[in-house]
């Protein structure tokens, strides 16, 4: 857990330090790495016989939790956008 948080903090620090520079390749690399991580997660889950055996039982709970998490994220993002969205009338003056 501390390793994950440490890596995240290190990335934030590096991002802050290099915020003025624009690295064109980073977006492509991140895209590939995210797809690779999703594939490896699926392969790990698919290779676990216990998880596969319990898929029917866990399917509804997973659907419910996933849907609630997605809707909560959308609601939170919409609320945050309303808080930080610049007001057009203040920028026009």
C-alpha atoms as a PDB file:
ATOM      1  CA  UNK A   1       0.000   0.000   0.000  1.00  0.00           C
ATOM      2  CA  UNK A   2       2.781   2.406   0.895  1.00  0.00           C
ATOM      3  CA  UNK A   3       4.579   1.473  -2.323  1.00  0.00           C
ATOM      4  CA  UNK A   4       1.536   2.456  -4.380  1.00  0.00           C
ATOM      5  CA  UNK A   5       1.116   5.729  -2.506  1.00  0.00           C
ATOM      6  CA  UNK A   6       4.848   6.440  -2.802  1.00  0.00           C
ATOM      7  CA  UNK A   7       4.788   5.856  -6.566  1.00  0.00           C
ATOM      8  CA  UNK A   8       1.746   8.088  -6.905  1.00  0.00           C
ATOM      9  CA  UNK A   9       3.374  10.835  -4.829  1.00  0.00           C
ATOM     10  CA  UNK A  10       6.590  10.563  -6.854  1.00  0.00           C
ATOM     11  CA  UNK A  11       4.574  10.917 -10.074  1.00  0.00           C
ATOM     12  CA  UNK A  12       2.801  13.963  -8.705  1.00  0.00           C
ATOM     13  CA  UNK A  13       6.104  15.578  -7.732  1.00  0.00           C
ATOM     14  CA  UNK A  14       7.620  14.869 -11.161  1.00  0.00           C
ATOM     15  CA  UNK A  15       4.474  16.148 -12.854  1.00  0.00           C
ATOM     16  CA  UNK A  16       4.694  19.337 -10.825  1.00  0.00           C
ATOM     17  CA  UNK A  17       8.375  19.812 -11.636  1.00  0.00           C
ATOM     18  CA  UNK A  18       7.896  19.221 -15.383  1.00  0.00           C
ATOM     19  CA  UNK A  19       4.479  20.894 -15.721  1.00  0.00           C
ATOM     20  CA  UNK A  20       5.784  23.536 -18.141  1.00  0.00           C
ATOM     21  CA  UNK A  21       7.179  20.947 -20.583  1.00  0.00           C
ATOM     22  CA  UNK A  22       4.966  19.168 -23.085  1.00  0.00           C
ATOM     23  CA  UNK A  23       5.910  15.551 -23.758  1.00  0.00           C
ATOM     24  CA  UNK A  24       3.993  14.360 -26.826  1.00  0.00           C
ATOM     25  CA  UNK A  25       4.729  10.658 -26.316  1.00  0.00           C
ATOM     26  CA  UNK A  26       3.413  10.419 -22.742  1.00  0.00           C
ATOM     27  CA  UNK A  27      -0.250  10.318 -23.776  1.00  0.00           C
ATOM     28  CA  UNK A  28       0.405   7.422 -26.179  1.00  0.00           C
ATOM     29  CA  UNK A  29       2.482   5.523 -23.624  1.00  0.00           C
ATOM     30  CA  UNK A  30      -0.201   5.967 -20.951  1.00  0.00           C
ATOM     31  CA  UNK A  31      -2.883   4.753 -23.340  1.00  0.00           C
ATOM     32  CA  UNK A  32      -0.943   1.579 -24.136  1.00  0.00           C
ATOM     33  CA  UNK A  33      -0.066   0.943 -20.473  1.00  0.00           C
ATOM     34  CA  UNK A  34      -3.671   1.321 -19.324  1.00  0.00           C
ATOM     35  CA  UNK A  35      -4.861  -1.179 -21.937  1.00  0.00           C
ATOM     36  CA  UNK A  36      -2.043  -3.535 -20.959  1.00  0.00           C
ATOM     37  CA  UNK A  37      -2.997  -3.283 -17.276  1.00  0.00           C
ATOM     38  CA  UNK A  38      -6.650  -3.988 -18.099  1.00  0.00           C
ATOM     39  CA  UNK A  39      -5.662  -7.011 -20.175  1.00  0.00           C
ATOM     40  CA  UNK A  40      -3.405  -8.375 -17.436  1.00  0.00           C
ATOM     41  CA  UNK A  41      -6.127  -7.838 -14.828  1.00  0.00           C
ATOM     42  CA  UNK A  42      -8.567  -9.785 -17.001  1.00  0.00           C
ATOM     43  CA  UNK A  43      -6.030 -12.555 -17.540  1.00  0.00           C
ATOM     44  CA  UNK A  44      -5.383 -12.794 -13.797  1.00  0.00           C
ATOM     45  CA  UNK A  45      -9.085 -12.964 -12.991  1.00  0.00           C
ATOM     46  CA  UNK A  46      -9.736 -15.469 -15.777  1.00  0.00           C
ATOM     47  CA  UNK A  47      -6.986 -17.762 -14.520  1.00  0.00           C
ATOM     48  CA  UNK A  48      -8.450 -17.952 -11.008  1.00  0.00           C
ATOM     49  CA  UNK A  49     -10.856 -20.936 -10.930  1.00  0.00           C
ATOM     50  CA  UNK A  50     -12.544 -19.769  -7.713  1.00  0.00           C
ATOM     51  CA  UNK A  51     -13.451 -16.418  -9.226  1.00  0.00           C
ATOM     52  CA  UNK A  52     -14.768 -18.083 -12.382  1.00  0.00           C
ATOM     53  CA  UNK A  53     -16.815 -20.533 -10.285  1.00  0.00           C
ATOM     54  CA  UNK A  54     -18.374 -17.647  -8.309  1.00  0.00           C
ATOM     55  CA  UNK A  55     -19.054 -15.402 -11.323  1.00  0.00           C
ATOM     56  CA  UNK A  56     -22.796 -16.071 -11.365  1.00  0.00           C
ATOM     57  CA  UNK A  57     -23.119 -15.402  -7.649  1.00  0.00           C
ATOM     58  CA  UNK A  58     -20.967 -12.298  -7.718  1.00  0.00           C
ATOM     59  CA  UNK A  59     -22.250 -10.977 -11.037  1.00  0.00           C
ATOM     60  CA  UNK A  60     -25.238  -9.050  -9.689  1.00  0.00           C
ATOM     61  CA  UNK A  61     -23.282  -7.584  -6.782  1.00  0.00           C
ATOM     62  CA  UNK A  62     -20.470  -6.550  -9.121  1.00  0.00           C
ATOM     63  CA  UNK A  63     -22.963  -4.978 -11.532  1.00  0.00           C
ATOM     64  CA  UNK A  64     -24.624  -3.072  -8.703  1.00  0.00           C
ATOM     65  CA  UNK A  65     -21.348  -1.842  -7.208  1.00  0.00           C
ATOM     66  CA  UNK A  66     -19.942  -0.922 -10.619  1.00  0.00           C
ATOM     67  CA  UNK A  67     -23.064   0.974 -11.619  1.00  0.00           C
ATOM     68  CA  UNK A  68     -23.232   2.820  -8.286  1.00  0.00           C
ATOM     69  CA  UNK A  69     -19.541   3.703  -8.524  1.00  0.00           C
ATOM     70  CA  UNK A  70     -19.902   4.979 -12.070  1.00  0.00           C
ATOM     71  CA  UNK A  71     -22.979   7.051 -11.274  1.00  0.00           C
ATOM     72  CA  UNK A  72     -21.297   8.441  -8.159  1.00  0.00           C
ATOM     73  CA  UNK A  73     -18.234   9.417 -10.190  1.00  0.00           C
ATOM     74  CA  UNK A  74     -20.369  11.142 -12.811  1.00  0.00           C
ATOM     75  CA  UNK A  75     -22.313  13.026 -10.145  1.00  0.00           C
ATOM     76  CA  UNK A  76     -19.141  14.020  -8.317  1.00  0.00           C
ATOM     77  CA  UNK A  77     -17.487  15.203 -11.538  1.00  0.00           C
ATOM     78  CA  UNK A  78     -20.572  17.237 -12.489  1.00  0.00           C
ATOM     79  CA  UNK A  79     -20.674  18.895  -9.067  1.00  0.00           C
ATOM     80  CA  UNK A  80     -16.955  19.625  -9.169  1.00  0.00           C
ATOM     81  CA  UNK A  81     -17.266  21.069 -12.681  1.00  0.00           C
ATOM     82  CA  UNK A  82     -20.001  23.455 -11.469  1.00  0.00           C
ATOM     83  CA  UNK A  83     -17.722  24.595  -8.647  1.00  0.00           C
ATOM     84  CA  UNK A  84     -14.601  25.215 -10.733  1.00  0.00           C
ATOM     85  CA  UNK A  85     -16.109  26.195 -14.100  1.00  0.00           C
ATOM     86  CA  UNK A  86     -15.079  29.767 -14.930  1.00  0.00           C
ATOM     87  CA  UNK A  87     -17.906  32.256 -15.102  1.00  0.00           C
ATOM     88  CA  UNK A  88     -18.089  33.780 -18.595  1.00  0.00           C
ATOM     89  CA  UNK A  89     -19.390  37.133 -17.369  1.00  0.00           C
ATOM     90  CA  UNK A  90     -16.312  37.727 -15.174  1.00  0.00           C
ATOM     91  CA  UNK A  91     -13.885  36.952 -18.033  1.00  0.00           C
ATOM     92  CA  UNK A  92     -15.587  39.222 -20.594  1.00  0.00           C
ATOM     93  CA  UNK A  93     -14.812  42.483 -18.770  1.00  0.00           C
END
